[in-house]
């Protein structure tokens, strides 16, 4: 599978539309291995972002803590916590739709550090 991939991003958008929150999809090779969507308010947990939930689901499915060779697709640019989690998981790549400049009242950012900045300072070793 080539990245970015429109079909995978569309799947993330479909999950977002169904749940009315930010959504994430993780792929490895040609297979979708995990999905997630924000449930911060429902779960009363500030860490329950789409990416974190998708990473947890992917690591459980694969039985490993490193997601090497995996790509994450997200409907919104990763916050510093989620971008860092992708780096710690050693993901191959990150694809996102809307970015921090597209923030509105529903999707506010508390820490205005762009995902690209986090990735620039992270390592994959």
PDB file of N, CA and C in Angstrom:
ATOM      1  N   UNK A   1       0.847  -1.180   0.000  1.00  0.00           N
ATOM      2  CA  UNK A   1       0.000   0.000   0.000  1.00  0.00           C
ATOM      3  C   UNK A   1       0.888   1.237   0.000  1.00  0.00           C
ATOM      4  N   UNK A   2       0.544   2.192  -0.829  1.00  0.00           N
ATOM      5  CA  UNK A   2       1.259   3.466  -0.865  1.00  0.00           C
ATOM      6  C   UNK A   2       0.611   4.455   0.094  1.00  0.00           C
ATOM      7  N   UNK A   3       1.435   5.311   0.687  1.00  0.00           N
ATOM      8  CA  UNK A   3       0.943   6.309   1.636  1.00  0.00           C
ATOM      9  C   UNK A   3       1.307   7.701   1.154  1.00  0.00           C
ATOM     10  N   UNK A   4       0.426   8.663   1.327  1.00  0.00           N
ATOM     11  CA  UNK A   4      -0.922   8.553   1.900  1.00  0.00           C
ATOM     12  C   UNK A   4      -1.882   7.807   0.977  1.00  0.00           C
ATOM     13  N   UNK A   5      -2.893   7.201   1.604  1.00  0.00           N
ATOM     14  CA  UNK A   5      -3.860   6.378   0.888  1.00  0.00           C
ATOM     15  C   UNK A   5      -5.260   6.931   1.127  1.00  0.00           C
ATOM     16  N   UNK A   6      -5.943   7.277   0.054  1.00  0.00           N
ATOM     17  CA  UNK A   6      -7.277   7.890   0.163  1.00  0.00           C
ATOM     18  C   UNK A   6      -8.311   6.969   0.816  1.00  0.00           C
ATOM     19  N   UNK A   7      -8.254   5.675   0.531  1.00  0.00           N
ATOM     20  CA  UNK A   7      -9.241   4.739   1.084  1.00  0.00           C
ATOM     21  C   UNK A   7      -9.117   4.642   2.607  1.00  0.00           C
ATOM     22  N   UNK A   8      -7.879   4.639   3.088  1.00  0.00           N
ATOM     23  CA  UNK A   8      -7.674   4.569   4.539  1.00  0.00           C
ATOM     24  C   UNK A   8      -8.148   5.858   5.194  1.00  0.00           C
ATOM     25  N   UNK A   9      -7.810   7.000   4.581  1.00  0.00           N
ATOM     26  CA  UNK A   9      -8.270   8.274   5.143  1.00  0.00           C
ATOM     27  C   UNK A   9      -9.793   8.336   5.124  1.00  0.00           C
ATOM     28  N   UNK A  10     -10.402   7.826   4.081  1.00  0.00           N
ATOM     29  CA  UNK A  10     -11.864   7.823   4.020  1.00  0.00           C
ATOM     30  C   UNK A  10     -12.454   6.982   5.149  1.00  0.00           C
ATOM     31  N   UNK A  11     -11.799   5.869   5.487  1.00  0.00           N
ATOM     32  CA  UNK A  11     -12.277   5.051   6.604  1.00  0.00           C
ATOM     33  C   UNK A  11     -12.222   5.854   7.902  1.00  0.00           C
ATOM     34  N   UNK A  12     -11.148   6.609   8.113  1.00  0.00           N
ATOM     35  CA  UNK A  12     -11.051   7.459   9.315  1.00  0.00           C
ATOM     36  C   UNK A  12     -12.161   8.509   9.300  1.00  0.00           C
ATOM     37  N   UNK A  13     -12.421   9.094   8.140  1.00  0.00           N
ATOM     38  CA  UNK A  13     -13.488  10.103   8.028  1.00  0.00           C
ATOM     39  C   UNK A  13     -14.844   9.480   8.321  1.00  0.00           C
ATOM     40  N   UNK A  14     -15.075   8.273   7.839  1.00  0.00           N
ATOM     41  CA  UNK A  14     -16.345   7.591   8.103  1.00  0.00           C
ATOM     42  C   UNK A  14     -16.542   7.330   9.597  1.00  0.00           C
ATOM     43  N   UNK A  15     -15.475   6.902  10.276  1.00  0.00           N
ATOM     44  CA  UNK A  15     -15.550   6.683  11.729  1.00  0.00           C
ATOM     45  C   UNK A  15     -15.828   8.006  12.433  1.00  0.00           C
ATOM     46  N   UNK A  16     -15.179   9.077  11.968  1.00  0.00           N
ATOM     47  CA  UNK A  16     -15.394  10.401  12.543  1.00  0.00           C
ATOM     48  C   UNK A  16     -16.849  10.829  12.384  1.00  0.00           C
ATOM     49  N   UNK A  17     -17.396  10.650  11.184  1.00  0.00           N
ATOM     50  CA  UNK A  17     -18.786  11.049  10.940  1.00  0.00           C
ATOM     51  C   UNK A  17     -19.756  10.240  11.790  1.00  0.00           C
ATOM     52  N   UNK A  18     -19.504   8.958  11.927  1.00  0.00           N
ATOM     53  CA  UNK A  18     -20.382   8.086  12.714  1.00  0.00           C
ATOM     54  C   UNK A  18     -20.375   8.454  14.190  1.00  0.00           C
ATOM     55  N   UNK A  19     -19.204   8.809  14.712  1.00  0.00           N
ATOM     56  CA  UNK A  19     -19.069   9.087  16.143  1.00  0.00           C
ATOM     57  C   UNK A  19     -19.017  10.569  16.489  1.00  0.00           C
ATOM     58  N   UNK A  20     -18.921  11.421  15.463  1.00  0.00           N
ATOM     59  CA  UNK A  20     -18.899  12.878  15.637  1.00  0.00           C
ATOM     60  C   UNK A  20     -17.717  13.358  16.480  1.00  0.00           C
ATOM     61  N   UNK A  21     -16.589  12.642  16.355  1.00  0.00           N
ATOM     62  CA  UNK A  21     -15.359  13.011  17.047  1.00  0.00           C
ATOM     63  C   UNK A  21     -14.164  12.656  16.165  1.00  0.00           C
ATOM     64  N   UNK A  22     -12.983  13.098  16.564  1.00  0.00           N
ATOM     65  CA  UNK A  22     -11.755  12.776  15.848  1.00  0.00           C
ATOM     66  C   UNK A  22     -11.568  11.263  15.829  1.00  0.00           C
ATOM     67  N   UNK A  23     -11.094  10.742  14.687  1.00  0.00           N
ATOM     68  CA  UNK A  23     -10.918   9.301  14.527  1.00  0.00           C
ATOM     69  C   UNK A  23      -9.541   8.972  13.969  1.00  0.00           C
ATOM     70  N   UNK A  24      -9.075   7.739  14.240  1.00  0.00           N
ATOM     71  CA  UNK A  24      -7.774   7.276  13.756  1.00  0.00           C
ATOM     72  C   UNK A  24      -7.883   5.839  13.252  1.00  0.00           C
ATOM     73  N   UNK A  25      -7.056   5.530  12.252  1.00  0.00           N
ATOM     74  CA  UNK A  25      -6.973   4.186  11.685  1.00  0.00           C
ATOM     75  C   UNK A  25      -5.489   3.846  11.563  1.00  0.00           C
ATOM     76  N   UNK A  26      -5.104   2.642  11.990  1.00  0.00           N
ATOM     77  CA  UNK A  26      -3.723   2.188  11.853  1.00  0.00           C
ATOM     78  C   UNK A  26      -3.695   1.038  10.856  1.00  0.00           C
ATOM     79  N   UNK A  27      -2.761   1.134   9.900  1.00  0.00           N
ATOM     80  CA  UNK A  27      -2.596   0.088   8.894  1.00  0.00           C
ATOM     81  C   UNK A  27      -1.172  -0.458   8.949  1.00  0.00           C
ATOM     82  N   UNK A  28      -1.064  -1.734   8.611  1.00  0.00           N
ATOM     83  CA  UNK A  28       0.237  -2.383   8.447  1.00  0.00           C
ATOM     84  C   UNK A  28       0.149  -3.176   7.159  1.00  0.00           C
ATOM     85  N   UNK A  29       1.019  -2.868   6.237  1.00  0.00           N
ATOM     86  CA  UNK A  29       0.901  -3.481   4.913  1.00  0.00           C
ATOM     87  C   UNK A  29      -0.406  -3.019   4.290  1.00  0.00           C
ATOM     88  N   UNK A  30      -1.209  -3.958   3.866  1.00  0.00           N
ATOM     89  CA  UNK A  30      -2.510  -3.642   3.263  1.00  0.00           C
ATOM     90  C   UNK A  30      -3.669  -3.835   4.231  1.00  0.00           C
ATOM     91  N   UNK A  31      -3.362  -4.093   5.491  1.00  0.00           N
ATOM     92  CA  UNK A  31      -4.406  -4.443   6.458  1.00  0.00           C
ATOM     93  C   UNK A  31      -4.635  -3.339   7.492  1.00  0.00           C
ATOM     94  N   UNK A  32      -5.908  -3.021   7.721  1.00  0.00           N
ATOM     95  CA  UNK A  32      -6.274  -2.154   8.830  1.00  0.00           C
ATOM     96  C   UNK A  32      -6.192  -3.019  10.080  1.00  0.00           C
ATOM     97  N   UNK A  33      -5.333  -2.618  11.012  1.00  0.00           N
ATOM     98  CA  UNK A  33      -5.177  -3.445  12.210  1.00  0.00           C
ATOM     99  C   UNK A  33      -5.854  -2.856  13.435  1.00  0.00           C
ATOM    100  N   UNK A  34      -6.179  -1.554  13.403  1.00  0.00           N
ATOM    101  CA  UNK A  34      -6.830  -0.959  14.570  1.00  0.00           C
ATOM    102  C   UNK A  34      -7.459   0.379  14.211  1.00  0.00           C
ATOM    103  N   UNK A  35      -8.481   0.721  14.971  1.00  0.00           N
ATOM    104  CA  UNK A  35      -9.122   2.030  14.845  1.00  0.00           C
ATOM    105  C   UNK A  35      -9.338   2.590  16.242  1.00  0.00           C
ATOM    106  N   UNK A  36      -9.659   3.856  16.284  1.00  0.00           N
ATOM    107  CA  UNK A  36      -9.977   4.493  17.552  1.00  0.00           C
ATOM    108  C   UNK A  36     -10.652   5.823  17.300  1.00  0.00           C
ATOM    109  N   UNK A  37     -11.384   6.279  18.291  1.00  0.00           N
ATOM    110  CA  UNK A  37     -11.981   7.611  18.203  1.00  0.00           C
ATOM    111  C   UNK A  37     -11.985   8.235  19.585  1.00  0.00           C
ATOM    112  N   UNK A  38     -11.990   9.569  19.617  1.00  0.00           N
ATOM    113  CA  UNK A  38     -11.937  10.282  20.888  1.00  0.00           C
ATOM    114  C   UNK A  38     -13.129   9.926  21.769  1.00  0.00           C
ATOM    115  N   UNK A  39     -12.831   9.689  23.039  1.00  0.00           N
ATOM    116  CA  UNK A  39     -13.896   9.440  24.018  1.00  0.00           C
ATOM    117  C   UNK A  39     -13.511  10.058  25.365  1.00  0.00           C
ATOM    118  N   UNK A  40     -12.866  11.213  25.305  1.00  0.00           N
ATOM    119  CA  UNK A  40     -12.391  11.894  26.504  1.00  0.00           C
ATOM    120  C   UNK A  40     -13.526  12.169  27.479  1.00  0.00           C
ATOM    121  N   UNK A  41     -14.597  12.757  26.981  1.00  0.00           N
ATOM    122  CA  UNK A  41     -15.723  13.124  27.864  1.00  0.00           C
ATOM    123  C   UNK A  41     -16.490  11.889  28.341  1.00  0.00           C
ATOM    124  N   UNK A  42     -16.759  10.983  27.432  1.00  0.00           N
ATOM    125  CA  UNK A  42     -17.537   9.786  27.793  1.00  0.00           C
ATOM    126  C   UNK A  42     -16.805   8.939  28.829  1.00  0.00           C
ATOM    127  N   UNK A  43     -15.493   8.785  28.666  1.00  0.00           N
ATOM    128  CA  UNK A  43     -14.699   7.947  29.563  1.00  0.00           C
ATOM    129  C   UNK A  43     -14.112   8.709  30.744  1.00  0.00           C
ATOM    130  N   UNK A  44     -14.337  10.017  30.751  1.00  0.00           N
ATOM    131  CA  UNK A  44     -13.782  10.890  31.793  1.00  0.00           C
ATOM    132  C   UNK A  44     -12.282  10.626  31.941  1.00  0.00           C
ATOM    133  N   UNK A  45     -11.597  10.681  30.784  1.00  0.00           N
ATOM    134  CA  UNK A  45     -10.163  10.403  30.746  1.00  0.00           C
ATOM    135  C   UNK A  45      -9.519  11.287  29.676  1.00  0.00           C
ATOM    136  N   UNK A  46      -8.688  12.250  30.076  1.00  0.00           N
ATOM    137  CA  UNK A  46      -8.092  13.169  29.113  1.00  0.00           C
ATOM    138  C   UNK A  46      -7.114  12.515  28.145  1.00  0.00           C
ATOM    139  N   UNK A  47      -6.744  11.254  28.369  1.00  0.00           N
ATOM    140  CA  UNK A  47      -5.830  10.569  27.456  1.00  0.00           C
ATOM    141  C   UNK A  47      -6.546   9.750  26.395  1.00  0.00           C
ATOM    142  N   UNK A  48      -7.844   9.692  26.432  1.00  0.00           N
ATOM    143  CA  UNK A  48      -8.590   8.855  25.485  1.00  0.00           C
ATOM    144  C   UNK A  48      -8.794   9.546  24.142  1.00  0.00           C
ATOM    145  N   UNK A  49      -7.664   9.903  23.518  1.00  0.00           N
ATOM    146  CA  UNK A  49      -7.675  10.459  22.172  1.00  0.00           C
ATOM    147  C   UNK A  49      -7.731   9.309  21.173  1.00  0.00           C
ATOM    148  N   UNK A  50      -8.179   9.604  19.962  1.00  0.00           N
ATOM    149  CA  UNK A  50      -8.323   8.587  18.915  1.00  0.00           C
ATOM    150  C   UNK A  50      -7.015   7.827  18.689  1.00  0.00           C
ATOM    151  N   UNK A  51      -5.908   8.560  18.602  1.00  0.00           N
ATOM    152  CA  UNK A  51      -4.628   7.930  18.313  1.00  0.00           C
ATOM    153  C   UNK A  51      -4.187   6.994  19.432  1.00  0.00           C
ATOM    154  N   UNK A  52      -4.336   7.433  20.659  1.00  0.00           N
ATOM    155  CA  UNK A  52      -3.931   6.611  21.809  1.00  0.00           C
ATOM    156  C   UNK A  52      -4.750   5.325  21.831  1.00  0.00           C
ATOM    157  N   UNK A  53      -6.049   5.446  21.621  1.00  0.00           N
ATOM    158  CA  UNK A  53      -6.902   4.258  21.628  1.00  0.00           C
ATOM    159  C   UNK A  53      -6.558   3.322  20.472  1.00  0.00           C
ATOM    160  N   UNK A  54      -6.273   3.875  19.298  1.00  0.00           N
ATOM    161  CA  UNK A  54      -5.898   3.045  18.153  1.00  0.00           C
ATOM    162  C   UNK A  54      -4.560   2.351  18.413  1.00  0.00           C
ATOM    163  N   UNK A  55      -3.599   3.076  19.011  1.00  0.00           N
ATOM    164  CA  UNK A  55      -2.302   2.473  19.327  1.00  0.00           C
ATOM    165  C   UNK A  55      -2.474   1.333  20.334  1.00  0.00           C
ATOM    166  N   UNK A  56      -3.262   1.545  21.366  1.00  0.00           N
ATOM    167  CA  UNK A  56      -3.515   0.488  22.355  1.00  0.00           C
ATOM    168  C   UNK A  56      -4.150  -0.721  21.671  1.00  0.00           C
ATOM    169  N   UNK A  57      -5.150  -0.486  20.823  1.00  0.00           N
ATOM    170  CA  UNK A  57      -5.813  -1.591  20.119  1.00  0.00           C
ATOM    171  C   UNK A  57      -4.838  -2.329  19.202  1.00  0.00           C
ATOM    172  N   UNK A  58      -3.958  -1.591  18.514  1.00  0.00           N
ATOM    173  CA  UNK A  58      -2.996  -2.213  17.601  1.00  0.00           C
ATOM    174  C   UNK A  58      -1.963  -3.046  18.358  1.00  0.00           C
ATOM    175  N   UNK A  59      -1.438  -2.516  19.465  1.00  0.00           N
ATOM    176  CA  UNK A  59      -0.426  -3.264  20.215  1.00  0.00           C
ATOM    177  C   UNK A  59      -1.019  -4.521  20.838  1.00  0.00           C
ATOM    178  N   UNK A  60      -2.262  -4.446  21.281  1.00  0.00           N
ATOM    179  CA  UNK A  60      -2.916  -5.636  21.821  1.00  0.00           C
ATOM    180  C   UNK A  60      -3.132  -6.675  20.729  1.00  0.00           C
ATOM    181  N   UNK A  61      -3.566  -6.224  19.560  1.00  0.00           N
ATOM    182  CA  UNK A  61      -3.815  -7.154  18.454  1.00  0.00           C
ATOM    183  C   UNK A  61      -2.528  -7.834  18.000  1.00  0.00           C
ATOM    184  N   UNK A  62      -1.438  -7.055  17.890  1.00  0.00           N
ATOM    185  CA  UNK A  62      -0.174  -7.609  17.413  1.00  0.00           C
ATOM    186  C   UNK A  62       0.645  -8.271  18.520  1.00  0.00           C
ATOM    187  N   UNK A  63       0.321  -7.960  19.773  1.00  0.00           N
ATOM    188  CA  UNK A  63       1.046  -8.548  20.897  1.00  0.00           C
ATOM    189  C   UNK A  63       2.446  -7.989  21.082  1.00  0.00           C
ATOM    190  N   UNK A  64       2.680  -6.774  20.573  1.00  0.00           N
ATOM    191  CA  UNK A  64       3.982  -6.126  20.712  1.00  0.00           C
ATOM    192  C   UNK A  64       3.772  -4.639  20.999  1.00  0.00           C
ATOM    193  N   UNK A  65       4.782  -4.004  21.587  1.00  0.00           N
ATOM    194  CA  UNK A  65       4.636  -2.577  21.905  1.00  0.00           C
ATOM    195  C   UNK A  65       5.183  -1.676  20.814  1.00  0.00           C
ATOM    196  N   UNK A  66       5.876  -2.239  19.849  1.00  0.00           N
ATOM    197  CA  UNK A  66       6.403  -1.451  18.734  1.00  0.00           C
ATOM    198  C   UNK A  66       5.550  -1.682  17.492  1.00  0.00           C
ATOM    199  N   UNK A  67       5.165  -0.591  16.874  1.00  0.00           N
ATOM    200  CA  UNK A  67       4.308  -0.685  15.683  1.00  0.00           C
ATOM    201  C   UNK A  67       5.106  -0.334  14.422  1.00  0.00           C
ATOM    202  N   UNK A  68       6.293  -0.926  14.341  1.00  0.00           N
ATOM    203  CA  UNK A  68       7.146  -0.688  13.175  1.00  0.00           C
ATOM    204  C   UNK A  68       6.434  -1.171  11.918  1.00  0.00           C
ATOM    205  N   UNK A  69       6.548  -0.381  10.866  1.00  0.00           N
ATOM    206  CA  UNK A  69       5.892  -0.713   9.611  1.00  0.00           C
ATOM    207  C   UNK A  69       4.438  -0.271   9.552  1.00  0.00           C
ATOM    208  N   UNK A  70       3.942   0.324  10.629  1.00  0.00           N
ATOM    209  CA  UNK A  70       2.549   0.774  10.676  1.00  0.00           C
ATOM    210  C   UNK A  70       2.446   2.268  10.354  1.00  0.00           C
ATOM    211  N   UNK A  71       1.338   2.620   9.767  1.00  0.00           N
ATOM    212  CA  UNK A  71       1.001   4.027   9.493  1.00  0.00           C
ATOM    213  C   UNK A  71      -0.282   4.347  10.231  1.00  0.00           C
ATOM    214  N   UNK A  72      -0.356   5.558  10.776  1.00  0.00           N
ATOM    215  CA  UNK A  72      -1.586   6.007  11.424  1.00  0.00           C
ATOM    216  C   UNK A  72      -2.193   7.132  10.590  1.00  0.00           C
ATOM    217  N   UNK A  73      -3.498   7.020  10.385  1.00  0.00           N
ATOM    218  CA  UNK A  73      -4.272   8.032   9.680  1.00  0.00           C
ATOM    219  C   UNK A  73      -5.219   8.647  10.685  1.00  0.00           C
ATOM    220  N   UNK A  74      -5.258   9.956  10.709  1.00  0.00           N
ATOM    221  CA  UNK A  74      -6.074  10.652  11.684  1.00  0.00           C
ATOM    222  C   UNK A  74      -6.832  11.781  10.996  1.00  0.00           C
ATOM    223  N   UNK A  75      -8.031  12.034  11.447  1.00  0.00           N
ATOM    224  CA  UNK A  75      -8.835  13.083  10.828  1.00  0.00           C
ATOM    225  C   UNK A  75      -8.387  14.475  11.241  1.00  0.00           C
ATOM    226  N   UNK A  76      -7.609  14.568  12.306  1.00  0.00           N
ATOM    227  CA  UNK A  76      -7.132  15.866  12.792  1.00  0.00           C
ATOM    228  C   UNK A  76      -5.675  15.730  13.206  1.00  0.00           C
ATOM    229  N   UNK A  77      -4.921  16.783  13.054  1.00  0.00           N
ATOM    230  CA  UNK A  77      -3.501  16.780  13.408  1.00  0.00           C
ATOM    231  C   UNK A  77      -3.290  16.325  14.849  1.00  0.00           C
ATOM    232  N   UNK A  78      -2.290  15.489  15.047  1.00  0.00           N
ATOM    233  CA  UNK A  78      -2.008  14.954  16.377  1.00  0.00           C
ATOM    234  C   UNK A  78      -1.548  16.043  17.333  1.00  0.00           C
ATOM    235  N   UNK A  79      -2.022  15.935  18.566  1.00  0.00           N
ATOM    236  CA  UNK A  79      -1.540  16.809  19.628  1.00  0.00           C
ATOM    237  C   UNK A  79      -0.144  16.309  20.034  1.00  0.00           C
ATOM    238  N   UNK A  80       0.580  17.051  20.853  1.00  0.00           N
ATOM    239  CA  UNK A  80       1.912  16.600  21.274  1.00  0.00           C
ATOM    240  C   UNK A  80       1.901  15.221  21.947  1.00  0.00           C
ATOM    241  N   UNK A  81       0.895  14.928  22.769  1.00  0.00           N
ATOM    242  CA  UNK A  81       0.826  13.626  23.429  1.00  0.00           C
ATOM    243  C   UNK A  81       0.714  12.506  22.403  1.00  0.00           C
ATOM    244  N   UNK A  82      -0.171  12.682  21.435  1.00  0.00           N
ATOM    245  CA  UNK A  82      -0.419  11.630  20.448  1.00  0.00           C
ATOM    246  C   UNK A  82       0.731  11.497  19.460  1.00  0.00           C
ATOM    247  N   UNK A  83       1.301  12.623  19.037  1.00  0.00           N
ATOM    248  CA  UNK A  83       2.457  12.563  18.143  1.00  0.00           C
ATOM    249  C   UNK A  83       3.618  11.849  18.843  1.00  0.00           C
ATOM    250  N   UNK A  84       3.812  12.155  20.117  1.00  0.00           N
ATOM    251  CA  UNK A  84       4.876  11.491  20.881  1.00  0.00           C
ATOM    252  C   UNK A  84       4.600  10.001  21.022  1.00  0.00           C
ATOM    253  N   UNK A  85       3.354   9.624  21.245  1.00  0.00           N
ATOM    254  CA  UNK A  85       2.996   8.203  21.351  1.00  0.00           C
ATOM    255  C   UNK A  85       3.309   7.475  20.047  1.00  0.00           C
ATOM    256  N   UNK A  86       3.071   8.130  18.920  1.00  0.00           N
ATOM    257  CA  UNK A  86       3.393   7.527  17.619  1.00  0.00           C
ATOM    258  C   UNK A  86       4.897   7.311  17.490  1.00  0.00           C
ATOM    259  N   UNK A  87       5.670   8.259  17.976  1.00  0.00           N
ATOM    260  CA  UNK A  87       7.128   8.124  17.946  1.00  0.00           C
ATOM    261  C   UNK A  87       7.567   6.998  18.874  1.00  0.00           C
ATOM    262  N   UNK A  88       7.042   6.957  20.093  1.00  0.00           N
ATOM    263  CA  UNK A  88       7.398   5.900  21.043  1.00  0.00           C
ATOM    264  C   UNK A  88       7.021   4.524  20.508  1.00  0.00           C
ATOM    265  N   UNK A  89       5.918   4.464  19.750  1.00  0.00           N
ATOM    266  CA  UNK A  89       5.481   3.191  19.168  1.00  0.00           C
ATOM    267  C   UNK A  89       6.294   2.828  17.926  1.00  0.00           C
ATOM    268  N   UNK A  90       7.149   3.752  17.494  1.00  0.00           N
ATOM    269  CA  UNK A  90       8.018   3.547  16.331  1.00  0.00           C
ATOM    270  C   UNK A  90       7.234   3.313  15.041  1.00  0.00           C
ATOM    271  N   UNK A  91       6.172   4.103  14.904  1.00  0.00           N
ATOM    272  CA  UNK A  91       5.351   3.996  13.699  1.00  0.00           C
ATOM    273  C   UNK A  91       6.124   4.504  12.488  1.00  0.00           C
ATOM    274  N   UNK A  92       5.809   3.949  11.358  1.00  0.00           N
ATOM    275  CA  UNK A  92       6.483   4.311  10.109  1.00  0.00           C
ATOM    276  C   UNK A  92       6.087   5.700   9.623  1.00  0.00           C
ATOM    277  N   UNK A  93       4.810   6.059   9.799  1.00  0.00           N
ATOM    278  CA  UNK A  93       4.375   7.348   9.302  1.00  0.00           C
ATOM    279  C   UNK A  93       3.054   7.801   9.886  1.00  0.00           C
ATOM    280  N   UNK A  94       2.793   9.101   9.727  1.00  0.00           N
ATOM    281  CA  UNK A  94       1.582   9.749  10.226  1.00  0.00           C
ATOM    282  C   UNK A  94       0.955  10.514   9.072  1.00  0.00           C
ATOM    283  N   UNK A  95      -0.351  10.322   8.902  1.00  0.00           N
ATOM    284  CA  UNK A  95      -1.113  11.073   7.903  1.00  0.00           C
ATOM    285  C   UNK A  95      -2.301  11.685   8.629  1.00  0.00           C
ATOM    286  N   UNK A  96      -2.528  12.984   8.427  1.00  0.00           N
ATOM    287  CA  UNK A  96      -3.690  13.598   9.068  1.00  0.00           C
ATOM    288  C   UNK A  96      -4.393  14.534   8.111  1.00  0.00           C
ATOM    289  N   UNK A  97      -5.672  14.760   8.393  1.00  0.00           N
ATOM    290  CA  UNK A  97      -6.503  15.628   7.562  1.00  0.00           C
ATOM    291  C   UNK A  97      -6.374  17.068   7.989  1.00  0.00           C
ATOM    292  N   UNK A  98      -7.321  17.552   8.762  1.00  0.00           N
ATOM    293  CA  UNK A  98      -7.321  18.947   9.221  1.00  0.00           C
ATOM    294  C   UNK A  98      -6.123  19.192  10.122  1.00  0.00           C
ATOM    295  N   UNK A  99      -5.642  20.436  10.115  1.00  0.00           N
ATOM    296  CA  UNK A  99      -4.515  20.753  10.983  1.00  0.00           C
ATOM    297  C   UNK A  99      -4.905  21.790  12.023  1.00  0.00           C
ATOM    298  N   UNK A 100      -3.958  22.170  12.857  1.00  0.00           N
ATOM    299  CA  UNK A 100      -4.249  23.094  13.962  1.00  0.00           C
ATOM    300  C   UNK A 100      -4.793  24.437  13.490  1.00  0.00           C
ATOM    301  N   UNK A 101      -4.476  24.831  12.281  1.00  0.00           N
ATOM    302  CA  UNK A 101      -5.008  26.084  11.741  1.00  0.00           C
ATOM    303  C   UNK A 101      -6.505  25.984  11.479  1.00  0.00           C
ATOM    304  N   UNK A 102      -7.021  24.751  11.387  1.00  0.00           N
ATOM    305  CA  UNK A 102      -8.440  24.529  11.130  1.00  0.00           C
ATOM    306  C   UNK A 102      -9.261  24.386  12.411  1.00  0.00           C
ATOM    307  N   UNK A 103      -8.659  24.655  13.569  1.00  0.00           N
ATOM    308  CA  UNK A 103      -9.325  24.504  14.861  1.00  0.00           C
ATOM    309  C   UNK A 103     -10.568  25.389  14.923  1.00  0.00           C
ATOM    310  N   UNK A 104     -11.602  24.862  15.565  1.00  0.00           N
ATOM    311  CA  UNK A 104     -12.810  25.642  15.801  1.00  0.00           C
ATOM    312  C   UNK A 104     -13.253  25.419  17.249  1.00  0.00           C
ATOM    313  N   UNK A 105     -14.451  25.884  17.578  1.00  0.00           N
ATOM    314  CA  UNK A 105     -14.920  25.757  18.965  1.00  0.00           C
ATOM    315  C   UNK A 105     -15.025  24.301  19.413  1.00  0.00           C
ATOM    316  N   UNK A 106     -15.361  23.389  18.493  1.00  0.00           N
ATOM    317  CA  UNK A 106     -15.532  21.990  18.866  1.00  0.00           C
ATOM    318  C   UNK A 106     -14.188  21.294  19.074  1.00  0.00           C
ATOM    319  N   UNK A 107     -13.207  21.616  18.238  1.00  0.00           N
ATOM    320  CA  UNK A 107     -11.906  20.968  18.319  1.00  0.00           C
ATOM    321  C   UNK A 107     -10.846  22.000  18.681  1.00  0.00           C
ATOM    322  N   UNK A 108     -10.690  22.228  19.952  1.00  0.00           N
ATOM    323  CA  UNK A 108      -9.702  23.197  20.410  1.00  0.00           C
ATOM    324  C   UNK A 108      -8.419  22.471  20.792  1.00  0.00           C
ATOM    325  N   UNK A 109      -7.311  23.143  20.644  1.00  0.00           N
ATOM    326  CA  UNK A 109      -6.022  22.598  21.042  1.00  0.00           C
ATOM    327  C   UNK A 109      -5.577  23.323  22.307  1.00  0.00           C
ATOM    328  N   UNK A 110      -5.115  22.575  23.263  1.00  0.00           N
ATOM    329  CA  UNK A 110      -4.640  23.161  24.513  1.00  0.00           C
ATOM    330  C   UNK A 110      -3.150  23.482  24.437  1.00  0.00           C
ATOM    331  N   UNK A 111      -2.402  22.676  23.692  1.00  0.00           N
ATOM    332  CA  UNK A 111      -0.966  22.862  23.541  1.00  0.00           C
ATOM    333  C   UNK A 111      -0.710  23.044  22.050  1.00  0.00           C
ATOM    334  N   UNK A 112      -0.358  24.258  21.677  1.00  0.00           N
ATOM    335  CA  UNK A 112      -0.243  24.590  20.255  1.00  0.00           C
ATOM    336  C   UNK A 112       1.164  24.319  19.719  1.00  0.00           C
ATOM    337  N   UNK A 113       1.546  23.055  19.738  1.00  0.00           N
ATOM    338  CA  UNK A 113       2.811  22.618  19.161  1.00  0.00           C
ATOM    339  C   UNK A 113       2.455  21.706  17.996  1.00  0.00           C
ATOM    340  N   UNK A 114       2.796  22.108  16.775  1.00  0.00           N
ATOM    341  CA  UNK A 114       2.442  21.299  15.611  1.00  0.00           C
ATOM    342  C   UNK A 114       3.054  19.901  15.644  1.00  0.00           C
ATOM    343  N   UNK A 115       2.338  18.958  15.104  1.00  0.00           N
ATOM    344  CA  UNK A 115       2.794  17.569  15.014  1.00  0.00           C
ATOM    345  C   UNK A 115       4.164  17.486  14.350  1.00  0.00           C
ATOM    346  N   UNK A 116       4.368  18.235  13.290  1.00  0.00           N
ATOM    347  CA  UNK A 116       5.653  18.213  12.576  1.00  0.00           C
ATOM    348  C   UNK A 116       6.819  18.587  13.493  1.00  0.00           C
ATOM    349  N   UNK A 117       6.564  19.493  14.426  1.00  0.00           N
ATOM    350  CA  UNK A 117       7.613  19.915  15.361  1.00  0.00           C
ATOM    351  C   UNK A 117       7.978  18.773  16.309  1.00  0.00           C
ATOM    352  N   UNK A 118       6.995  18.051  16.784  1.00  0.00           N
ATOM    353  CA  UNK A 118       7.246  16.899  17.673  1.00  0.00           C
ATOM    354  C   UNK A 118       8.037  15.841  16.914  1.00  0.00           C
ATOM    355  N   UNK A 119       7.617  15.531  15.697  1.00  0.00           N
ATOM    356  CA  UNK A 119       8.279  14.504  14.891  1.00  0.00           C
ATOM    357  C   UNK A 119       9.728  14.904  14.613  1.00  0.00           C
ATOM    358  N   UNK A 120       9.950  16.175  14.334  1.00  0.00           N
ATOM    359  CA  UNK A 120      11.302  16.665  14.040  1.00  0.00           C
ATOM    360  C   UNK A 120      12.253  16.400  15.205  1.00  0.00           C
ATOM    361  N   UNK A 121      11.754  16.453  16.422  1.00  0.00           N
ATOM    362  CA  UNK A 121      12.604  16.277  17.598  1.00  0.00           C
ATOM    363  C   UNK A 121      12.598  14.844  18.126  1.00  0.00           C
ATOM    364  N   UNK A 122      11.784  13.987  17.547  1.00  0.00           N
ATOM    365  CA  UNK A 122      11.720  12.588  17.988  1.00  0.00           C
ATOM    366  C   UNK A 122      12.719  11.732  17.246  1.00  0.00           C
ATOM    367  N   UNK A 123      12.921  10.531  17.763  1.00  0.00           N
ATOM    368  CA  UNK A 123      13.793   9.566  17.093  1.00  0.00           C
ATOM    369  C   UNK A 123      13.031   8.261  16.935  1.00  0.00           C
ATOM    370  N   UNK A 124      13.462   7.451  16.008  1.00  0.00           N
ATOM    371  CA  UNK A 124      12.832   6.151  15.784  1.00  0.00           C
ATOM    372  C   UNK A 124      13.704   5.028  16.302  1.00  0.00           C
ATOM    373  N   UNK A 125      14.810   5.310  16.983  1.00  0.00           N
ATOM    374  CA  UNK A 125      15.721   4.263  17.450  1.00  0.00           C
ATOM    375  C   UNK A 125      15.221   3.649  18.717  1.00  0.00           C
TER     376      UNK A 125
END
